[in-house]
Amino acid sequence: MLVALMYLYFPAGNTFDIQAFHNIPKIALTTQILLFIAFFLSFAVKVPMWPVHTGCRMPTWKHRPVVPWYWRRSP
C-alpha cells in the first residue's frame, strides 16, 4: 500500500488530498491494474487479522491483573 500511495503522491502535487488524486491526469491501464493489485493485496492481508483478536474467551479475562508489589494492599 505504501508503494501504491507513494506512486499517487507525486503526480497529485506532493499531497495525499483526495481531491488532488481525482485531478491526476490519465493513468495507463496497466498502472491502474498494478495499483489495484497493490491495494487489494494490502487489504487482503490486513482484513483477516480482525477475527484473530475476537477469539479471546471470557475466562482469560477473569485472572487478576498483574500489578507491582507496591500497589498491593498489605494483608
N, C-alpha and C. Protein backbone atom coordinates (compact mmCIF):
# COMPACT_ATOMS: atom_id res chain seq x y z
N MET A 1 0.83 -1.18 0.00
CA MET A 1 0.00 0.00 0.00
C MET A 1 0.88 1.25 0.00
N LEU A 2 1.99 1.17 0.73
CA LEU A 2 2.87 2.33 0.77
C LEU A 2 3.40 2.66 -0.62
N VAL A 3 3.78 1.64 -1.37
CA VAL A 3 4.30 1.88 -2.72
C VAL A 3 3.21 2.49 -3.61
N ALA A 4 2.00 1.97 -3.51
CA ALA A 4 0.89 2.50 -4.31
C ALA A 4 0.58 3.94 -3.93
N LEU A 5 0.57 4.24 -2.65
CA LEU A 5 0.29 5.62 -2.22
C LEU A 5 1.41 6.57 -2.62
N MET A 6 2.65 6.10 -2.54
CA MET A 6 3.75 6.97 -2.95
C MET A 6 3.71 7.20 -4.46
N TYR A 7 3.27 6.20 -5.21
CA TYR A 7 3.14 6.39 -6.66
C TYR A 7 2.09 7.46 -6.96
N LEU A 8 1.02 7.51 -6.19
CA LEU A 8 -0.02 8.51 -6.40
C LEU A 8 0.34 9.88 -5.81
N TYR A 9 1.22 9.90 -4.83
CA TYR A 9 1.58 11.12 -4.12
C TYR A 9 2.23 12.15 -5.04
N PHE A 10 3.19 11.73 -5.84
CA PHE A 10 3.95 12.68 -6.65
C PHE A 10 3.15 13.27 -7.80
N PRO A 11 2.37 12.49 -8.56
CA PRO A 11 1.58 13.14 -9.62
C PRO A 11 0.46 14.03 -9.09
N ALA A 12 0.07 13.82 -7.82
CA ALA A 12 -1.00 14.63 -7.24
C ALA A 12 -0.50 15.96 -6.72
N GLY A 13 0.78 16.25 -6.89
CA GLY A 13 1.31 17.53 -6.42
C GLY A 13 1.87 17.44 -5.02
N ASN A 14 2.45 16.32 -4.67
CA ASN A 14 3.05 16.10 -3.35
C ASN A 14 2.05 16.29 -2.21
N THR A 15 0.90 15.68 -2.37
CA THR A 15 -0.13 15.74 -1.35
C THR A 15 -0.94 14.45 -1.37
N PHE A 16 -1.54 14.14 -0.22
CA PHE A 16 -2.43 12.97 -0.13
C PHE A 16 -3.90 13.38 -0.19
N ASP A 17 -4.17 14.58 -0.64
CA ASP A 17 -5.53 15.09 -0.73
C ASP A 17 -6.32 14.30 -1.77
N ILE A 18 -7.50 13.83 -1.38
CA ILE A 18 -8.33 13.02 -2.28
C ILE A 18 -8.72 13.82 -3.52
N GLN A 19 -9.01 15.09 -3.34
CA GLN A 19 -9.35 15.94 -4.49
C GLN A 19 -8.20 15.99 -5.50
N ALA A 20 -6.98 16.03 -5.00
CA ALA A 20 -5.82 16.05 -5.89
C ALA A 20 -5.66 14.71 -6.61
N PHE A 21 -6.01 13.62 -5.94
CA PHE A 21 -5.96 12.31 -6.60
C PHE A 21 -6.94 12.27 -7.77
N HIS A 22 -8.09 12.90 -7.63
CA HIS A 22 -9.07 12.92 -8.72
C HIS A 22 -8.59 13.77 -9.90
N ASN A 23 -7.71 14.73 -9.63
CA ASN A 23 -7.22 15.61 -10.69
C ASN A 23 -5.97 15.10 -11.39
N ILE A 24 -5.50 13.91 -11.02
CA ILE A 24 -4.32 13.34 -11.68
C ILE A 24 -4.68 13.06 -13.14
N PRO A 25 -3.80 13.43 -14.07
CA PRO A 25 -4.09 13.12 -15.48
C PRO A 25 -4.22 11.61 -15.69
N LYS A 26 -4.70 11.25 -16.85
CA LYS A 26 -4.96 9.85 -17.18
C LYS A 26 -3.78 8.95 -16.84
N ILE A 27 -4.04 7.88 -16.07
CA ILE A 27 -3.03 6.89 -15.72
C ILE A 27 -3.23 5.69 -16.64
N ALA A 28 -2.16 5.11 -17.12
CA ALA A 28 -2.24 3.98 -18.04
C ALA A 28 -2.99 2.82 -17.39
N LEU A 29 -3.67 2.03 -18.19
CA LEU A 29 -4.47 0.91 -17.69
C LEU A 29 -3.60 -0.09 -16.94
N THR A 30 -2.43 -0.38 -17.44
CA THR A 30 -1.54 -1.32 -16.76
C THR A 30 -1.17 -0.81 -15.37
N THR A 31 -0.89 0.48 -15.26
CA THR A 31 -0.57 1.08 -13.97
C THR A 31 -1.76 1.04 -13.04
N GLN A 32 -2.95 1.29 -13.56
CA GLN A 32 -4.15 1.22 -12.74
C GLN A 32 -4.35 -0.18 -12.19
N ILE A 33 -4.10 -1.18 -13.01
CA ILE A 33 -4.26 -2.57 -12.56
C ILE A 33 -3.23 -2.89 -11.48
N LEU A 34 -1.99 -2.44 -11.66
CA LEU A 34 -0.97 -2.68 -10.64
C LEU A 34 -1.29 -1.97 -9.33
N LEU A 35 -1.82 -0.75 -9.42
CA LEU A 35 -2.23 -0.04 -8.21
C LEU A 35 -3.38 -0.77 -7.51
N PHE A 36 -4.33 -1.27 -8.30
CA PHE A 36 -5.44 -2.02 -7.72
C PHE A 36 -4.93 -3.27 -7.02
N ILE A 37 -4.02 -3.99 -7.66
CA ILE A 37 -3.47 -5.22 -7.05
C ILE A 37 -2.72 -4.88 -5.76
N ALA A 38 -1.98 -3.78 -5.77
CA ALA A 38 -1.25 -3.38 -4.56
C ALA A 38 -2.21 -3.08 -3.41
N PHE A 39 -3.27 -2.32 -3.68
CA PHE A 39 -4.25 -2.03 -2.62
C PHE A 39 -5.00 -3.29 -2.21
N PHE A 40 -5.37 -4.12 -3.18
CA PHE A 40 -6.11 -5.34 -2.87
C PHE A 40 -5.29 -6.26 -1.98
N LEU A 41 -4.03 -6.47 -2.31
CA LEU A 41 -3.19 -7.36 -1.51
C LEU A 41 -2.94 -6.80 -0.11
N SER A 42 -2.78 -5.49 -0.01
CA SER A 42 -2.54 -4.92 1.32
C SER A 42 -3.78 -5.06 2.21
N PHE A 43 -4.96 -4.86 1.65
CA PHE A 43 -6.17 -5.05 2.45
C PHE A 43 -6.48 -6.52 2.67
N ALA A 44 -6.12 -7.39 1.72
CA ALA A 44 -6.34 -8.82 1.89
C ALA A 44 -5.49 -9.38 3.01
N VAL A 45 -4.36 -8.78 3.27
CA VAL A 45 -3.52 -9.22 4.38
C VAL A 45 -4.06 -8.68 5.70
N LYS A 46 -4.54 -7.45 5.71
CA LYS A 46 -4.96 -6.81 6.95
C LYS A 46 -6.32 -7.28 7.44
N VAL A 47 -7.28 -7.47 6.58
CA VAL A 47 -8.65 -7.78 7.00
C VAL A 47 -8.76 -9.10 7.77
N PRO A 48 -8.06 -10.18 7.39
CA PRO A 48 -8.20 -11.41 8.18
C PRO A 48 -7.67 -11.31 9.60
N MET A 49 -6.94 -10.27 9.94
CA MET A 49 -6.46 -10.11 11.31
C MET A 49 -7.60 -9.77 12.28
N TRP A 50 -8.71 -9.25 11.78
CA TRP A 50 -9.80 -8.88 12.66
C TRP A 50 -10.37 -10.07 13.43
N PRO A 51 -10.68 -11.22 12.80
CA PRO A 51 -11.25 -12.32 13.58
C PRO A 51 -10.27 -12.92 14.57
N VAL A 52 -8.98 -12.77 14.35
CA VAL A 52 -8.00 -13.33 15.27
C VAL A 52 -8.15 -12.72 16.66
N HIS A 53 -8.41 -11.43 16.72
CA HIS A 53 -8.48 -10.75 18.00
C HIS A 53 -9.84 -10.91 18.68
N THR A 54 -10.83 -11.42 17.99
CA THR A 54 -12.13 -11.63 18.62
C THR A 54 -12.22 -13.01 19.25
N GLY A 55 -11.20 -13.82 19.14
CA GLY A 55 -11.24 -15.18 19.67
C GLY A 55 -10.94 -15.28 21.15
N CYS A 56 -10.72 -14.17 21.83
CA CYS A 56 -10.44 -14.22 23.26
C CYS A 56 -11.67 -14.68 24.03
N ARG A 57 -11.48 -15.59 24.91
CA ARG A 57 -12.59 -16.11 25.71
C ARG A 57 -12.68 -15.34 27.03
N MET A 58 -13.86 -15.32 27.62
CA MET A 58 -14.07 -14.61 28.87
C MET A 58 -13.22 -15.15 30.02
N PRO A 59 -13.04 -16.46 30.20
CA PRO A 59 -12.23 -16.93 31.33
C PRO A 59 -10.80 -16.36 31.34
N THR A 60 -10.28 -16.03 30.20
CA THR A 60 -8.93 -15.47 30.19
C THR A 60 -8.92 -14.06 30.77
N TRP A 61 -10.06 -13.40 30.80
CA TRP A 61 -10.11 -12.05 31.36
C TRP A 61 -10.35 -12.07 32.86
N LYS A 62 -10.65 -13.22 33.45
CA LYS A 62 -11.00 -13.27 34.87
C LYS A 62 -9.79 -13.39 35.78
N HIS A 63 -8.60 -13.49 35.20
CA HIS A 63 -7.41 -13.55 36.03
C HIS A 63 -7.15 -12.19 36.65
N ARG A 64 -6.52 -12.22 37.81
CA ARG A 64 -6.19 -10.96 38.46
C ARG A 64 -5.13 -10.24 37.65
N PRO A 65 -5.23 -8.94 37.54
CA PRO A 65 -4.22 -8.20 36.79
C PRO A 65 -2.88 -8.23 37.53
N VAL A 66 -1.83 -8.25 36.79
CA VAL A 66 -0.50 -8.22 37.37
C VAL A 66 -0.16 -6.77 37.67
N VAL A 67 0.12 -6.50 38.94
CA VAL A 67 0.46 -5.14 39.36
C VAL A 67 1.76 -5.17 40.15
N PRO A 68 2.45 -4.08 40.21
CA PRO A 68 3.69 -4.04 41.01
C PRO A 68 3.40 -4.29 42.48
N TRP A 69 4.38 -4.76 43.21
CA TRP A 69 4.18 -5.12 44.62
C TRP A 69 3.76 -3.92 45.46
N TYR A 70 4.19 -2.70 45.09
CA TYR A 70 3.87 -1.54 45.91
C TYR A 70 2.44 -1.03 45.70
N TRP A 71 1.71 -1.59 44.72
CA TRP A 71 0.32 -1.22 44.56
C TRP A 71 -0.61 -2.11 45.39
N ARG A 72 -0.13 -3.24 45.82
CA ARG A 72 -0.98 -4.17 46.55
C ARG A 72 -1.20 -3.68 47.97
N ARG A 73 -2.36 -4.04 48.50
CA ARG A 73 -2.64 -3.71 49.89
C ARG A 73 -1.92 -4.69 50.80
N SER A 74 -1.45 -4.23 51.90
CA SER A 74 -0.81 -5.16 52.83
C SER A 74 -1.89 -5.94 53.55
N PRO A 75 -1.65 -7.24 53.81
CA PRO A 75 -2.71 -8.08 54.42
C PRO A 75 -2.98 -7.77 55.86
